Amino acid sequence: MRIYACLLSLPDSTVNPKELLFHTIINLFWSIVLGRRFEYNDPEFQIFYKPVYTYFDMLKSKVSMLYNISPRIVECFPGKHQELFKAIDKAKAYIRLEADRRLKSLDTSNPQDYFDVFLVKMLEVKQ
């Protein structure tokens, strides 16, 4: 239903459905993992959307082929992939903050989503 609402809100010009599908898939993934849905224009959602969209967009490039062969060399070159690395670091930092926030209020006997289950398992292994 949200996709339909988004399609209705778009101007009458041509539309690239790839972005809407990526929004939907990423939102579905995070609703399972984090137990909540994001609005598509939510800044927290954009933290995850940008790296995933850029990653799949870059898979077809020669840089990604070179990165699979020798990642250390590619990290030294300028280009669009540098933006991807920064976006991934930002997403990792957000996930760390989310983990710290959830650890403070974690009920190990009643995990709410996959993220909580992971944290419970992590605490069990740590002990």
N, C-alpha and C. Protein backbone atom coordinates (compact mmCIF):
# COMPACT_ATOMS: atom_id res chain seq x y z
N MET A 1 0.82 -1.19 0.00
CA MET A 1 0.00 0.00 0.00
C MET A 1 0.87 1.26 0.00
N ARG A 2 2.02 1.21 0.70
CA ARG A 2 2.90 2.38 0.73
C ARG A 2 3.48 2.67 -0.65
N ILE A 3 3.80 1.61 -1.40
CA ILE A 3 4.34 1.83 -2.75
C ILE A 3 3.29 2.53 -3.60
N TYR A 4 2.07 2.08 -3.50
CA TYR A 4 0.98 2.69 -4.27
C TYR A 4 0.83 4.17 -3.91
N ALA A 5 0.90 4.48 -2.61
CA ALA A 5 0.80 5.87 -2.16
C ALA A 5 1.97 6.69 -2.70
N CYS A 6 3.17 6.11 -2.70
CA CYS A 6 4.34 6.82 -3.24
C CYS A 6 4.18 7.07 -4.73
N LEU A 7 3.69 6.08 -5.45
CA LEU A 7 3.49 6.25 -6.88
C LEU A 7 2.47 7.35 -7.17
N LEU A 8 1.43 7.43 -6.37
CA LEU A 8 0.43 8.48 -6.56
C LEU A 8 0.98 9.87 -6.27
N SER A 9 1.94 9.95 -5.35
CA SER A 9 2.48 11.26 -4.97
C SER A 9 3.52 11.78 -5.95
N LEU A 10 3.98 10.93 -6.87
CA LEU A 10 5.01 11.35 -7.82
C LEU A 10 4.40 12.20 -8.93
N PRO A 11 5.23 13.07 -9.52
CA PRO A 11 4.73 13.86 -10.64
C PRO A 11 4.39 12.96 -11.83
N ASP A 12 3.75 13.53 -12.83
CA ASP A 12 3.28 12.76 -13.98
C ASP A 12 4.39 12.35 -14.94
N SER A 13 5.63 12.68 -14.64
CA SER A 13 6.73 12.32 -15.54
C SER A 13 7.10 10.85 -15.36
N THR A 14 8.11 10.42 -16.09
CA THR A 14 8.53 9.02 -15.99
C THR A 14 9.14 8.74 -14.62
N VAL A 15 9.01 7.50 -14.18
CA VAL A 15 9.45 7.12 -12.84
C VAL A 15 10.38 5.92 -12.96
N ASN A 16 11.45 5.94 -12.18
CA ASN A 16 12.36 4.80 -12.10
C ASN A 16 11.89 3.93 -10.94
N PRO A 17 11.30 2.77 -11.20
CA PRO A 17 10.77 1.94 -10.11
C PRO A 17 11.86 1.30 -9.26
N LYS A 18 13.11 1.33 -9.74
CA LYS A 18 14.19 0.71 -8.99
C LYS A 18 14.33 1.32 -7.59
N GLU A 19 14.24 2.64 -7.52
CA GLU A 19 14.37 3.30 -6.21
C GLU A 19 13.24 2.90 -5.27
N LEU A 20 12.02 2.89 -5.77
CA LEU A 20 10.88 2.51 -4.92
C LEU A 20 11.01 1.07 -4.43
N LEU A 21 11.46 0.19 -5.31
CA LEU A 21 11.63 -1.21 -4.91
C LEU A 21 12.75 -1.35 -3.88
N PHE A 22 13.84 -0.60 -4.06
CA PHE A 22 14.92 -0.64 -3.07
C PHE A 22 14.42 -0.12 -1.72
N HIS A 23 13.67 0.98 -1.75
CA HIS A 23 13.10 1.51 -0.50
C HIS A 23 12.29 0.43 0.21
N THR A 24 11.45 -0.23 -0.56
CA THR A 24 10.56 -1.25 0.02
C THR A 24 11.34 -2.42 0.59
N ILE A 25 12.30 -2.93 -0.17
CA ILE A 25 13.07 -4.09 0.26
C ILE A 25 13.90 -3.77 1.50
N ILE A 26 14.56 -2.62 1.50
CA ILE A 26 15.38 -2.24 2.65
C ILE A 26 14.51 -2.01 3.87
N ASN A 27 13.37 -1.38 3.67
CA ASN A 27 12.46 -1.14 4.79
C ASN A 27 11.92 -2.45 5.35
N LEU A 28 11.62 -3.39 4.49
CA LEU A 28 11.16 -4.71 4.94
C LEU A 28 12.25 -5.42 5.75
N PHE A 29 13.46 -5.37 5.24
CA PHE A 29 14.60 -5.97 5.95
C PHE A 29 14.75 -5.39 7.35
N TRP A 30 14.74 -4.05 7.45
CA TRP A 30 14.94 -3.42 8.75
C TRP A 30 13.73 -3.59 9.66
N SER A 31 12.55 -3.76 9.10
CA SER A 31 11.40 -4.01 9.96
C SER A 31 11.52 -5.38 10.61
N ILE A 32 12.14 -6.33 9.92
CA ILE A 32 12.37 -7.65 10.51
C ILE A 32 13.52 -7.59 11.51
N VAL A 33 14.60 -6.94 11.14
CA VAL A 33 15.79 -6.92 12.00
C VAL A 33 15.61 -6.01 13.21
N LEU A 34 15.14 -4.78 12.99
CA LEU A 34 15.01 -3.81 14.08
C LEU A 34 13.62 -3.77 14.69
N GLY A 35 12.66 -4.38 14.03
CA GLY A 35 11.31 -4.40 14.56
C GLY A 35 10.54 -3.12 14.35
N ARG A 36 10.97 -2.28 13.41
CA ARG A 36 10.22 -1.06 13.11
C ARG A 36 10.42 -0.66 11.66
N ARG A 37 9.43 0.04 11.15
CA ARG A 37 9.49 0.52 9.77
C ARG A 37 9.90 1.99 9.78
N PHE A 38 10.50 2.41 8.70
CA PHE A 38 10.91 3.79 8.54
C PHE A 38 10.07 4.45 7.45
N GLU A 39 9.86 5.74 7.59
CA GLU A 39 9.31 6.51 6.48
C GLU A 39 10.45 6.69 5.47
N TYR A 40 10.12 6.76 4.21
CA TYR A 40 11.15 6.81 3.18
C TYR A 40 12.01 8.07 3.25
N ASN A 41 11.49 9.14 3.79
CA ASN A 41 12.27 10.37 3.89
C ASN A 41 12.93 10.54 5.26
N ASP A 42 12.85 9.53 6.10
CA ASP A 42 13.46 9.55 7.43
C ASP A 42 14.98 9.55 7.30
N PRO A 43 15.69 10.49 7.97
CA PRO A 43 17.15 10.53 7.88
C PRO A 43 17.83 9.24 8.34
N GLU A 44 17.25 8.57 9.35
CA GLU A 44 17.82 7.30 9.80
C GLU A 44 17.71 6.24 8.72
N PHE A 45 16.61 6.24 8.01
CA PHE A 45 16.42 5.29 6.91
C PHE A 45 17.43 5.55 5.79
N GLN A 46 17.69 6.82 5.53
CA GLN A 46 18.64 7.17 4.47
C GLN A 46 20.05 6.70 4.78
N ILE A 47 20.38 6.56 6.07
CA ILE A 47 21.70 6.04 6.46
C ILE A 47 21.90 4.65 5.88
N PHE A 48 20.85 3.85 5.83
CA PHE A 48 20.95 2.48 5.31
C PHE A 48 20.68 2.42 3.81
N TYR A 49 19.81 3.27 3.36
CA TYR A 49 19.41 3.22 1.95
C TYR A 49 20.57 3.57 1.02
N LYS A 50 21.27 4.63 1.33
CA LYS A 50 22.32 5.12 0.44
C LYS A 50 23.41 4.08 0.19
N PRO A 51 23.99 3.45 1.22
CA PRO A 51 25.04 2.46 0.94
C PRO A 51 24.55 1.26 0.13
N VAL A 52 23.36 0.78 0.44
CA VAL A 52 22.85 -0.40 -0.27
C VAL A 52 22.58 -0.06 -1.74
N TYR A 53 21.93 1.07 -1.96
CA TYR A 53 21.61 1.47 -3.33
C TYR A 53 22.90 1.70 -4.13
N THR A 54 23.86 2.40 -3.53
CA THR A 54 25.13 2.68 -4.20
C THR A 54 25.89 1.39 -4.46
N TYR A 55 25.88 0.48 -3.49
CA TYR A 55 26.58 -0.79 -3.64
C TYR A 55 26.04 -1.57 -4.84
N PHE A 56 24.74 -1.73 -4.92
CA PHE A 56 24.16 -2.49 -6.03
C PHE A 56 24.33 -1.75 -7.35
N ASP A 57 24.37 -0.44 -7.30
CA ASP A 57 24.61 0.34 -8.51
C ASP A 57 26.04 0.16 -9.00
N MET A 58 26.97 0.00 -8.08
CA MET A 58 28.39 -0.13 -8.44
C MET A 58 28.80 -1.55 -8.79
N LEU A 59 27.97 -2.54 -8.51
CA LEU A 59 28.34 -3.93 -8.78
C LEU A 59 28.72 -4.17 -10.24
N LYS A 60 28.12 -3.42 -11.12
CA LYS A 60 28.38 -3.61 -12.54
C LYS A 60 29.59 -2.82 -13.04
N SER A 61 30.24 -2.07 -12.17
CA SER A 61 31.37 -1.24 -12.60
C SER A 61 32.69 -2.01 -12.56
N LYS A 62 33.66 -1.48 -13.27
CA LYS A 62 35.00 -2.09 -13.29
C LYS A 62 35.69 -1.92 -11.95
N VAL A 63 35.36 -0.85 -11.24
CA VAL A 63 35.97 -0.63 -9.93
C VAL A 63 35.60 -1.75 -8.97
N SER A 64 34.36 -2.21 -9.01
CA SER A 64 33.96 -3.30 -8.11
C SER A 64 34.66 -4.60 -8.47
N MET A 65 34.89 -4.83 -9.76
CA MET A 65 35.64 -6.02 -10.17
C MET A 65 37.07 -5.95 -9.65
N LEU A 66 37.68 -4.78 -9.77
CA LEU A 66 39.04 -4.59 -9.26
C LEU A 66 39.06 -4.71 -7.73
N TYR A 67 38.02 -4.19 -7.09
CA TYR A 67 37.94 -4.27 -5.62
C TYR A 67 37.88 -5.72 -5.15
N ASN A 68 37.18 -6.58 -5.89
CA ASN A 68 37.12 -7.99 -5.54
C ASN A 68 38.48 -8.67 -5.66
N ILE A 69 39.31 -8.18 -6.57
CA ILE A 69 40.65 -8.75 -6.75
C ILE A 69 41.62 -8.20 -5.71
N SER A 70 41.61 -6.88 -5.53
CA SER A 70 42.57 -6.26 -4.62
C SER A 70 41.94 -5.04 -3.93
N PRO A 71 41.28 -5.26 -2.80
CA PRO A 71 40.59 -4.14 -2.13
C PRO A 71 41.53 -3.04 -1.65
N ARG A 72 42.71 -3.39 -1.22
CA ARG A 72 43.65 -2.38 -0.69
C ARG A 72 44.04 -1.35 -1.76
N ILE A 73 44.20 -1.81 -2.98
CA ILE A 73 44.58 -0.89 -4.06
C ILE A 73 43.43 0.08 -4.36
N VAL A 74 42.22 -0.44 -4.44
CA VAL A 74 41.06 0.39 -4.78
C VAL A 74 40.81 1.44 -3.70
N GLU A 75 41.09 1.12 -2.46
CA GLU A 75 40.87 2.08 -1.37
C GLU A 75 41.72 3.33 -1.54
N CYS A 76 42.81 3.23 -2.29
CA CYS A 76 43.71 4.38 -2.50
C CYS A 76 43.24 5.30 -3.62
N PHE A 77 42.41 4.80 -4.53
CA PHE A 77 41.97 5.59 -5.68
C PHE A 77 40.76 6.45 -5.32
N PRO A 78 40.71 7.67 -5.89
CA PRO A 78 39.50 8.48 -5.70
C PRO A 78 38.37 7.96 -6.58
N GLY A 79 37.16 8.33 -6.23
CA GLY A 79 36.02 7.93 -7.05
C GLY A 79 34.75 7.78 -6.23
N LYS A 80 33.70 7.33 -6.90
CA LYS A 80 32.39 7.17 -6.27
C LYS A 80 32.43 6.14 -5.14
N HIS A 81 33.33 5.16 -5.26
CA HIS A 81 33.42 4.13 -4.24
C HIS A 81 33.86 4.69 -2.89
N GLN A 82 34.57 5.81 -2.89
CA GLN A 82 34.97 6.43 -1.62
C GLN A 82 33.75 6.93 -0.86
N GLU A 83 32.75 7.45 -1.59
CA GLU A 83 31.49 7.86 -0.96
C GLU A 83 30.79 6.65 -0.36
N LEU A 84 30.87 5.53 -1.06
CA LEU A 84 30.26 4.29 -0.57
C LEU A 84 30.92 3.86 0.74
N PHE A 85 32.25 3.91 0.79
CA PHE A 85 32.96 3.52 2.02
C PHE A 85 32.55 4.40 3.20
N LYS A 86 32.41 5.71 2.95
CA LYS A 86 31.99 6.63 4.01
C LYS A 86 30.56 6.33 4.47
N ALA A 87 29.69 6.05 3.51
CA ALA A 87 28.30 5.74 3.85
C ALA A 87 28.21 4.44 4.64
N ILE A 88 29.01 3.46 4.29
CA ILE A 88 29.03 2.19 5.03
C ILE A 88 29.54 2.41 6.44
N ASP A 89 30.58 3.23 6.60
CA ASP A 89 31.08 3.54 7.94
C ASP A 89 30.02 4.23 8.79
N LYS A 90 29.25 5.12 8.17
CA LYS A 90 28.17 5.81 8.88
C LYS A 90 27.09 4.83 9.31
N ALA A 91 26.76 3.88 8.44
CA ALA A 91 25.76 2.85 8.79
C ALA A 91 26.26 1.96 9.91
N LYS A 92 27.54 1.59 9.87
CA LYS A 92 28.13 0.78 10.95
C LYS A 92 28.07 1.52 12.28
N ALA A 93 28.38 2.81 12.25
CA ALA A 93 28.33 3.61 13.48
C ALA A 93 26.91 3.67 14.03
N TYR A 94 25.92 3.80 13.16
CA TYR A 94 24.53 3.82 13.60
C TYR A 94 24.16 2.48 14.25
N ILE A 95 24.58 1.39 13.64
CA ILE A 95 24.26 0.06 14.19
C ILE A 95 24.93 -0.12 15.55
N ARG A 96 26.16 0.37 15.70
CA ARG A 96 26.83 0.30 17.01
C ARG A 96 26.05 1.09 18.06
N LEU A 97 25.60 2.30 17.70
CA LEU A 97 24.81 3.11 18.64
C LEU A 97 23.50 2.41 19.00
N GLU A 98 22.86 1.80 18.00
CA GLU A 98 21.62 1.07 18.24
C GLU A 98 21.87 -0.11 19.17
N ALA A 99 22.99 -0.81 18.98
CA ALA A 99 23.33 -1.94 19.85
C ALA A 99 23.57 -1.47 21.27
N ASP A 100 24.31 -0.38 21.45
CA ASP A 100 24.56 0.15 22.79
C ASP A 100 23.26 0.58 23.47
N ARG A 101 22.39 1.23 22.71
CA ARG A 101 21.11 1.68 23.26
C ARG A 101 20.26 0.49 23.69
N ARG A 102 20.23 -0.53 22.88
CA ARG A 102 19.41 -1.71 23.19
C ARG A 102 20.00 -2.55 24.32
N LEU A 103 21.33 -2.58 24.42
CA LEU A 103 21.95 -3.34 25.51
C LEU A 103 21.55 -2.80 26.87
N LYS A 104 21.36 -1.49 26.95
CA LYS A 104 20.99 -0.86 28.22
C LYS A 104 19.61 -1.29 28.70
N SER A 105 18.71 -1.57 27.76
CA SER A 105 17.34 -1.92 28.15
C SER A 105 16.95 -3.33 27.69
N LEU A 106 17.93 -4.18 27.47
CA LEU A 106 17.66 -5.52 26.92
C LEU A 106 17.05 -6.44 27.97
N ASP A 107 15.95 -7.07 27.60
CA ASP A 107 15.32 -8.10 28.42
C ASP A 107 15.67 -9.44 27.77
N THR A 108 16.64 -10.14 28.35
CA THR A 108 17.14 -11.37 27.73
C THR A 108 16.09 -12.48 27.67
N SER A 109 15.08 -12.41 28.50
CA SER A 109 14.04 -13.43 28.48
C SER A 109 12.93 -13.13 27.47
N ASN A 110 12.95 -11.92 26.91
CA ASN A 110 11.89 -11.54 25.98
C ASN A 110 12.44 -10.71 24.82
N PRO A 111 13.22 -11.31 23.91
CA PRO A 111 13.73 -10.53 22.77
C PRO A 111 12.59 -10.13 21.84
N GLN A 112 12.66 -8.91 21.33
CA GLN A 112 11.58 -8.35 20.52
C GLN A 112 11.77 -8.55 19.01
N ASP A 113 13.02 -8.70 18.56
CA ASP A 113 13.30 -8.83 17.14
C ASP A 113 14.64 -9.53 16.96
N TYR A 114 15.09 -9.66 15.71
CA TYR A 114 16.34 -10.35 15.44
C TYR A 114 17.54 -9.65 16.07
N PHE A 115 17.49 -8.36 16.13
CA PHE A 115 18.58 -7.60 16.74
C PHE A 115 18.73 -7.98 18.20
N ASP A 116 17.62 -8.05 18.93
CA ASP A 116 17.65 -8.45 20.34
C ASP A 116 18.13 -9.89 20.48
N VAL A 117 17.69 -10.78 19.60
CA VAL A 117 18.12 -12.18 19.65
C VAL A 117 19.64 -12.26 19.45
N PHE A 118 20.16 -11.48 18.52
CA PHE A 118 21.60 -11.45 18.30
C PHE A 118 22.33 -10.96 19.54
N LEU A 119 21.83 -9.90 20.16
CA LEU A 119 22.48 -9.37 21.36
C LEU A 119 22.45 -10.39 22.50
N VAL A 120 21.34 -11.10 22.66
CA VAL A 120 21.24 -12.13 23.70
C VAL A 120 22.27 -13.22 23.44
N LYS A 121 22.37 -13.67 22.20
CA LYS A 121 23.34 -14.71 21.85
C LYS A 121 24.76 -14.22 22.06
N MET A 122 25.01 -12.97 21.72
CA MET A 122 26.33 -12.38 21.91
C MET A 122 26.70 -12.36 23.39
N LEU A 123 25.75 -12.01 24.25
CA LEU A 123 26.01 -12.00 25.69
C LEU A 123 26.24 -13.41 26.22
N GLU A 124 25.51 -14.40 25.70
CA GLU A 124 25.71 -15.79 26.13
C GLU A 124 27.10 -16.28 25.76
N VAL A 125 27.55 -15.98 24.57
CA VAL A 125 28.87 -16.41 24.11
C VAL A 125 29.96 -15.71 24.91
N LYS A 126 29.73 -14.46 25.24
CA LYS A 126 30.71 -13.67 25.99
C LYS A 126 30.93 -14.22 27.39
N GLN A 127 29.89 -14.81 27.99
CA GLN A 127 30.00 -15.32 29.37
C GLN A 127 30.59 -16.66 29.42
